[in-house]
Amino acid sequence: MQILRGLHSPDSRPVALTIGNFDGVHLGHRALLEALRAVAIRQELLTAVVIFEPHPREFFTPQQAPARLTSLREKLEQFRALGMDRVHVCRFDTRFAQMSAPDFMHALRRDVHAGFVLIGDDFRFGKGRTGDFALMEKVAGQENFEVRAMHSVLIEGVRVSSTGIRIALAAGQLEEARHYLGTHYSMSGRVVHGDGMGRKLGFPTANIRIKHNQPPLSGIYVVRAHAEGLGVLEGVASLGVRPTVKQDGKPVLEVHLFEFDRDIYGKHLRVEFLQKIRDEARYPDLESLTKQIALDVAHAKNWFEQHE
């Protein structure tokens, strides 16, 4: 899969493309990407995805922007797995925000070589979000390429959306989130050195660097970890600010892996969240915290025994 920065391509072959943020790459997104690939195969086109980095709402209102479900790397990994040929990562800055809707459409045709465009039925684009499907159809007619809108995907009458998944994750409803994602929610990142507190308490942890602006969930979880060359590892994870040991701390993802003592610093770890055990809490002392961690570990091990 080719990754390009901005709306340009050195390859002049026409593409079937789609546009959006694709946060979470949920079942609605997957249905759209699968439909795009089907058209590309029929019309002998390459597939291309245009995404924005940062998310426009992170640019305009960073304090009110929603929690990200997926980092850029996670998103790109999923595009690759879904068979996309090319991804255009557009830096969303002041200049890009000022681009008019018609200019954006002309760039897709002239610089990205769009031969077919598929969008979600609620997609808006251009300065002030003035662009919609009607405008896209008009410009496409002028420039001789095809556009099509795809209706939202419904599961049991509920529209699949990134917003709905965020709400489910924040409420600890992991099974509901999985229902709309098509898989367990996961976060990934490199294992970095922490402060060694877990090892001091008798429960060493792999500390994952968090790239999300703010995690969409928090608390203590039963997890499964995946790392190249290590297979699938079972464990328990804490995602939060660690109120017992830190004041005004930033969110940290710490994973205690069962029966595992290898050095994995620098490795890329993907952590699947399987069940929420409890919310994060402040304890009066480290002894109380250690006792609670032991209970969390026992809970997680029992969960795996019941789900093998």
Protein backbone atom coordinates (compact mmCIF):
# COMPACT_ATOMS: atom_id res chain seq x y z
CA MET A 1 0.00 0.00 0.00
CA GLN A 2 1.32 3.43 -0.98
CA ILE A 3 1.05 6.30 1.51
CA LEU A 4 1.14 9.83 0.08
CA ARG A 5 1.05 13.18 1.84
CA GLY A 6 -1.56 15.54 0.41
CA LEU A 7 -3.74 15.62 -2.68
CA HIS A 8 -1.25 14.59 -5.33
CA SER A 9 -0.03 11.45 -7.00
CA PRO A 10 2.87 10.74 -9.36
CA ASP A 11 0.81 7.88 -10.78
CA SER A 12 -1.70 9.15 -13.36
CA ARG A 13 -3.75 5.96 -13.50
CA PRO A 14 -7.39 6.63 -12.52
CA VAL A 15 -8.53 5.55 -9.07
CA ALA A 16 -11.72 4.66 -7.26
CA LEU A 17 -11.54 6.71 -4.09
CA THR A 18 -13.38 7.53 -0.92
CA ILE A 19 -12.96 10.34 1.59
CA GLY A 20 -13.43 10.63 5.32
CA ASN A 21 -11.94 10.38 8.80
CA PHE A 22 -12.58 6.63 9.23
CA ASP A 23 -12.04 6.80 12.99
CA GLY A 24 -12.24 3.24 14.30
CA VAL A 25 -12.60 1.74 10.79
CA HIS A 26 -15.87 0.21 12.03
CA LEU A 27 -18.34 -2.01 10.17
CA GLY A 28 -19.89 0.98 8.39
CA HIS A 29 -16.47 2.07 7.14
CA ARG A 30 -15.60 -1.49 6.16
CA ALA A 31 -18.79 -1.85 4.12
CA LEU A 32 -17.93 1.35 2.24
CA LEU A 33 -14.33 0.23 1.60
CA GLU A 34 -15.48 -3.20 0.42
CA ALA A 35 -17.98 -1.56 -1.96
CA LEU A 36 -15.20 0.71 -3.24
CA ARG A 37 -12.91 -2.26 -3.87
CA ALA A 38 -15.68 -4.09 -5.73
CA VAL A 39 -16.14 -1.12 -8.08
CA ALA A 40 -12.39 -0.81 -8.55
CA ILE A 41 -12.13 -4.46 -9.57
CA ARG A 42 -15.02 -4.15 -12.05
CA GLN A 43 -13.67 -0.96 -13.60
CA GLU A 44 -9.99 -1.98 -13.35
CA LEU A 45 -9.09 0.97 -11.14
CA LEU A 46 -6.76 1.35 -8.19
CA THR A 47 -8.34 2.03 -4.79
CA ALA A 48 -7.51 5.22 -2.88
CA VAL A 49 -8.58 6.67 0.48
CA VAL A 50 -8.30 10.37 1.37
CA ILE A 51 -8.08 11.05 5.11
CA PHE A 52 -7.28 14.12 7.22
CA GLU A 53 -4.62 14.53 9.91
CA PRO A 54 -5.34 15.91 12.42
CA HIS A 55 -9.09 15.36 12.56
CA PRO A 56 -10.75 18.68 11.55
CA ARG A 57 -12.40 18.98 14.97
CA GLU A 58 -8.98 18.60 16.62
CA PHE A 59 -7.83 21.54 14.49
CA PHE A 60 -10.82 23.84 15.05
CA THR A 61 -11.73 22.98 18.67
CA PRO A 62 -8.94 20.88 20.20
CA GLN A 63 -10.40 21.04 23.72
CA GLN A 64 -13.79 19.75 22.58
CA ALA A 65 -12.54 17.24 20.01
CA PRO A 66 -13.78 13.67 20.51
CA ALA A 67 -11.46 10.96 21.78
CA ARG A 68 -9.78 9.13 18.93
CA LEU A 69 -10.64 5.48 18.46
CA THR A 70 -7.61 4.85 16.24
CA SER A 71 -4.22 6.46 15.78
CA LEU A 72 -2.97 7.21 12.26
CA ARG A 73 -0.79 4.09 12.32
CA GLU A 74 -3.68 1.87 13.43
CA LYS A 75 -5.88 3.33 10.70
CA LEU A 76 -3.25 2.72 8.01
CA GLU A 77 -2.74 -0.86 9.19
CA GLN A 78 -6.46 -1.53 8.77
CA PHE A 79 -6.56 0.07 5.30
CA ARG A 80 -3.73 -2.21 4.26
CA ALA A 81 -5.52 -5.26 5.64
CA LEU A 82 -8.64 -4.28 3.67
CA GLY A 83 -6.71 -4.21 0.41
CA MET A 84 -6.47 -0.48 -0.29
CA ASP A 85 -3.81 0.46 -2.84
CA ARG A 86 -3.16 4.04 -1.80
CA VAL A 87 -3.87 6.40 1.10
CA HIS A 88 -3.61 10.18 0.83
CA VAL A 89 -2.96 11.71 4.26
CA CYS A 90 -3.94 15.38 4.02
CA ARG A 91 -2.54 17.71 6.65
CA PHE A 92 -5.54 19.63 7.96
CA ASP A 93 -4.23 23.13 8.64
CA THR A 94 -5.39 26.70 8.04
CA ARG A 95 -4.60 26.54 4.33
CA PHE A 96 -6.46 23.28 3.83
CA ALA A 97 -9.43 24.51 5.89
CA GLN A 98 -9.79 27.47 3.49
CA MET A 99 -10.09 25.27 0.38
CA SER A 100 -13.52 25.67 -1.22
CA ALA A 101 -15.67 22.64 -1.92
CA PRO A 102 -15.36 23.00 -5.74
CA ASP A 103 -11.57 23.41 -5.48
CA PHE A 104 -11.39 20.25 -3.37
CA MET A 105 -13.36 18.34 -6.02
CA HIS A 106 -11.18 19.68 -8.83
CA ALA A 107 -8.07 18.57 -6.91
CA LEU A 108 -9.46 15.06 -6.57
CA ARG A 109 -9.91 14.86 -10.33
CA ARG A 110 -6.78 16.75 -11.46
CA ASP A 111 -4.20 15.73 -8.84
CA VAL A 112 -5.45 12.42 -7.44
CA HIS A 113 -6.90 11.23 -10.80
CA ALA A 114 -10.30 10.22 -9.47
CA GLY A 115 -12.33 8.16 -11.91
CA PHE A 116 -14.94 7.12 -9.37
CA VAL A 117 -15.78 8.59 -5.93
CA LEU A 118 -17.80 6.86 -3.22
CA ILE A 119 -18.79 8.74 -0.05
CA GLY A 120 -21.01 8.23 2.96
CA ASP A 121 -24.42 9.88 2.64
CA ASP A 122 -23.63 12.35 5.44
CA PHE A 123 -20.19 13.44 4.18
CA ARG A 124 -19.52 17.19 4.03
CA PHE A 125 -16.39 18.87 2.69
CA GLY A 126 -14.78 22.18 1.78
CA LYS A 127 -14.61 25.52 3.59
CA GLY A 128 -17.48 25.80 6.04
CA ARG A 129 -18.56 22.24 5.19
CA THR A 130 -20.51 23.65 2.22
CA GLY A 131 -19.83 20.67 -0.03
CA ASP A 132 -22.33 17.82 -0.18
CA PHE A 133 -23.32 15.02 -2.54
CA ALA A 134 -25.36 17.35 -4.79
CA LEU A 135 -22.34 19.60 -5.37
CA MET A 136 -20.13 16.57 -5.89
CA GLU A 137 -22.51 15.27 -8.56
CA LYS A 138 -22.48 18.65 -10.31
CA VAL A 139 -18.70 18.89 -10.43
CA ALA A 140 -18.37 15.24 -11.43
CA GLY A 141 -20.72 15.86 -14.38
CA GLN A 142 -18.56 18.78 -15.50
CA GLU A 143 -15.34 16.80 -15.22
CA ASN A 144 -16.64 13.47 -16.49
CA PHE A 145 -16.25 11.11 -13.56
CA GLU A 146 -18.73 9.15 -11.49
CA VAL A 147 -19.78 9.74 -7.89
CA ARG A 148 -22.00 7.66 -5.67
CA ALA A 149 -23.25 7.98 -2.07
CA MET A 150 -23.64 5.00 0.23
CA HIS A 151 -26.31 4.85 2.92
CA SER A 152 -25.33 4.36 6.56
CA VAL A 153 -24.97 0.79 7.79
CA LEU A 154 -27.60 -0.22 10.37
CA ILE A 155 -27.28 -3.06 12.86
CA GLU A 156 -30.56 -4.00 14.51
CA GLY A 157 -31.91 -0.62 13.44
CA VAL A 158 -28.99 1.36 14.95
CA ARG A 159 -26.68 3.40 12.72
CA VAL A 160 -23.08 2.30 13.07
CA SER A 161 -21.01 5.37 13.98
CA SER A 162 -17.74 6.33 15.63
CA THR A 163 -19.72 8.45 18.10
CA GLY A 164 -21.82 5.48 19.20
CA ILE A 165 -18.69 3.37 19.69
CA ARG A 166 -17.09 6.09 21.83
CA ILE A 167 -20.19 6.22 24.00
CA ALA A 168 -20.16 2.43 24.46
CA LEU A 169 -16.45 2.35 25.33
CA ALA A 170 -16.74 5.22 27.83
CA ALA A 171 -19.57 3.31 29.54
CA GLY A 172 -17.50 0.11 29.71
CA GLN A 173 -19.83 -1.64 27.26
CA LEU A 174 -17.10 -3.46 25.35
CA GLU A 175 -19.41 -6.05 23.83
CA GLU A 176 -21.61 -3.33 22.31
CA ALA A 177 -18.53 -1.62 20.88
CA ARG A 178 -17.35 -4.94 19.44
CA HIS A 179 -20.77 -5.36 17.85
CA TYR A 180 -20.20 -2.21 15.76
CA LEU A 181 -16.45 -2.52 15.24
CA GLY A 182 -16.65 -6.14 14.12
CA THR A 183 -13.79 -6.96 16.46
CA HIS A 184 -12.64 -6.24 20.02
CA TYR A 185 -11.53 -2.66 20.55
CA SER A 186 -7.76 -2.42 20.70
CA MET A 187 -4.97 0.11 21.17
CA SER A 188 -1.41 -0.29 20.04
CA GLY A 189 1.96 1.32 20.59
CA ARG A 190 5.57 0.74 21.47
CA VAL A 191 6.59 -0.62 24.86
CA VAL A 192 8.53 2.10 26.71
CA HIS A 193 10.25 2.36 30.07
CA GLY A 194 7.99 3.39 32.94
CA ASP A 195 8.76 4.26 36.54
CA GLY A 196 9.04 0.62 37.63
CA MET A 197 6.14 0.88 40.06
CA GLY A 198 4.47 -2.31 38.80
CA ARG A 199 7.61 -4.35 39.37
CA LYS A 200 8.00 -2.88 42.86
CA LEU A 201 4.46 -4.02 43.66
CA GLY A 202 5.14 -7.52 42.34
CA PHE A 203 3.21 -7.08 39.08
CA PRO A 204 5.62 -5.93 36.33
CA THR A 205 3.94 -4.17 33.42
CA ALA A 206 4.60 -3.36 29.79
CA ASN A 207 3.99 0.36 29.43
CA ILE A 208 2.51 1.38 26.08
CA ARG A 209 3.09 4.81 24.62
CA ILE A 210 -0.33 6.35 23.97
CA LYS A 211 -0.64 8.41 20.79
CA HIS A 212 -4.35 9.17 21.13
CA ASN A 213 -5.21 12.74 22.12
CA GLN A 214 -7.27 11.17 24.91
CA PRO A 215 -8.22 7.51 25.31
CA PRO A 216 -11.88 6.69 24.63
CA LEU A 217 -12.02 4.45 27.71
CA SER A 218 -10.40 4.10 31.13
CA GLY A 219 -10.27 1.62 33.97
CA ILE A 220 -8.97 -1.89 34.62
CA TYR A 221 -9.50 -4.55 31.94
CA VAL A 222 -9.05 -8.16 30.97
CA VAL A 223 -6.86 -7.98 27.87
CA ARG A 224 -5.15 -9.99 25.17
CA ALA A 225 -1.86 -8.67 23.77
CA HIS A 226 -0.38 -9.34 20.33
CA ALA A 227 3.27 -8.79 19.43
CA GLU A 228 5.27 -10.01 16.46
CA GLY A 229 7.24 -13.11 17.39
CA LEU A 230 5.51 -13.46 20.78
CA GLY A 231 2.12 -14.83 19.80
CA VAL A 232 -0.98 -14.04 21.83
CA LEU A 233 -0.50 -13.15 25.50
CA GLU A 234 -3.13 -12.96 28.23
CA GLY A 235 -3.12 -10.30 30.90
CA VAL A 236 -4.76 -7.48 32.79
CA ALA A 237 -4.36 -3.80 31.97
CA SER A 238 -4.77 -0.44 33.64
CA LEU A 239 -5.61 2.54 31.44
CA GLY A 240 -5.76 5.81 33.34
CA VAL A 241 -3.92 8.44 35.34
CA ARG A 242 -2.88 6.20 38.31
CA PRO A 243 -4.32 8.43 41.08
CA THR A 244 -2.73 6.41 43.92
CA VAL A 245 0.84 7.01 42.71
CA LYS A 246 0.54 10.21 40.61
CA GLN A 247 -1.04 13.63 40.93
CA ASP A 248 -2.29 15.24 37.71
CA GLY A 249 -0.79 12.37 35.74
CA LYS A 250 -1.32 11.78 32.03
CA PRO A 251 -3.14 8.64 30.86
CA VAL A 252 -0.93 5.56 30.80
CA LEU A 253 -1.63 2.08 29.44
CA GLU A 254 0.07 -0.55 31.63
CA VAL A 255 -0.28 -4.24 30.83
CA HIS A 256 0.61 -7.05 33.21
CA LEU A 257 1.15 -10.21 31.12
CA PHE A 258 0.67 -13.56 32.85
CA GLU A 259 3.63 -15.93 33.12
CA PHE A 260 5.80 -13.65 31.00
CA ASP A 261 9.16 -12.11 31.92
CA ARG A 262 10.91 -11.36 28.61
CA ASP A 263 12.40 -7.97 27.72
CA ILE A 264 10.05 -6.41 25.15
CA TYR A 265 11.10 -2.77 25.31
CA GLY A 266 10.77 -1.17 21.89
CA LYS A 267 8.38 -3.81 20.57
CA HIS A 268 5.04 -2.82 19.09
CA LEU A 269 2.18 -4.27 21.14
CA ARG A 270 -1.51 -4.36 20.23
CA VAL A 271 -3.79 -4.68 23.25
CA GLU A 272 -7.36 -5.99 22.89
CA PHE A 273 -9.83 -4.98 25.61
CA LEU A 274 -12.04 -7.98 26.41
CA GLN A 275 -13.89 -7.10 29.61
CA LYS A 276 -13.95 -4.19 32.03
CA ILE A 277 -13.20 -5.22 35.61
CA ARG A 278 -13.67 -1.91 37.38
CA ASP A 279 -13.09 1.83 37.27
CA GLU A 280 -9.79 3.33 38.28
CA ALA A 281 -9.67 4.30 41.98
CA ARG A 282 -7.44 6.04 44.50
CA TYR A 283 -6.21 3.83 47.38
CA PRO A 284 -4.95 5.05 50.76
CA ASP A 285 -1.59 3.29 50.41
CA LEU A 286 0.45 0.99 48.17
CA GLU A 287 -0.42 -2.07 50.24
CA SER A 288 -4.13 -1.56 49.53
CA LEU A 289 -3.35 -1.02 45.85
CA THR A 290 -1.29 -4.22 45.72
CA LYS A 291 -4.14 -6.25 47.22
CA GLN A 292 -6.56 -4.85 44.67
CA ILE A 293 -4.20 -5.63 41.78
CA ALA A 294 -3.99 -9.24 43.00
CA LEU A 295 -7.79 -9.41 42.91
CA ASP A 296 -7.81 -7.94 39.39
CA VAL A 297 -5.29 -10.54 38.22
CA ALA A 298 -7.36 -13.35 39.75
CA HIS A 299 -10.49 -11.98 38.07
CA ALA A 300 -8.77 -11.86 34.67
CA LYS A 301 -7.35 -15.38 34.96
CA ASN A 302 -10.77 -16.70 35.92
CA TRP A 303 -12.28 -14.92 32.91
CA PHE A 304 -9.85 -16.66 30.56
CA GLU A 305 -10.58 -20.04 32.17
CA GLN A 306 -14.28 -19.52 31.53
CA HIS A 307 -13.79 -18.37 27.93
CA GLU A 308 -11.27 -20.92 26.68
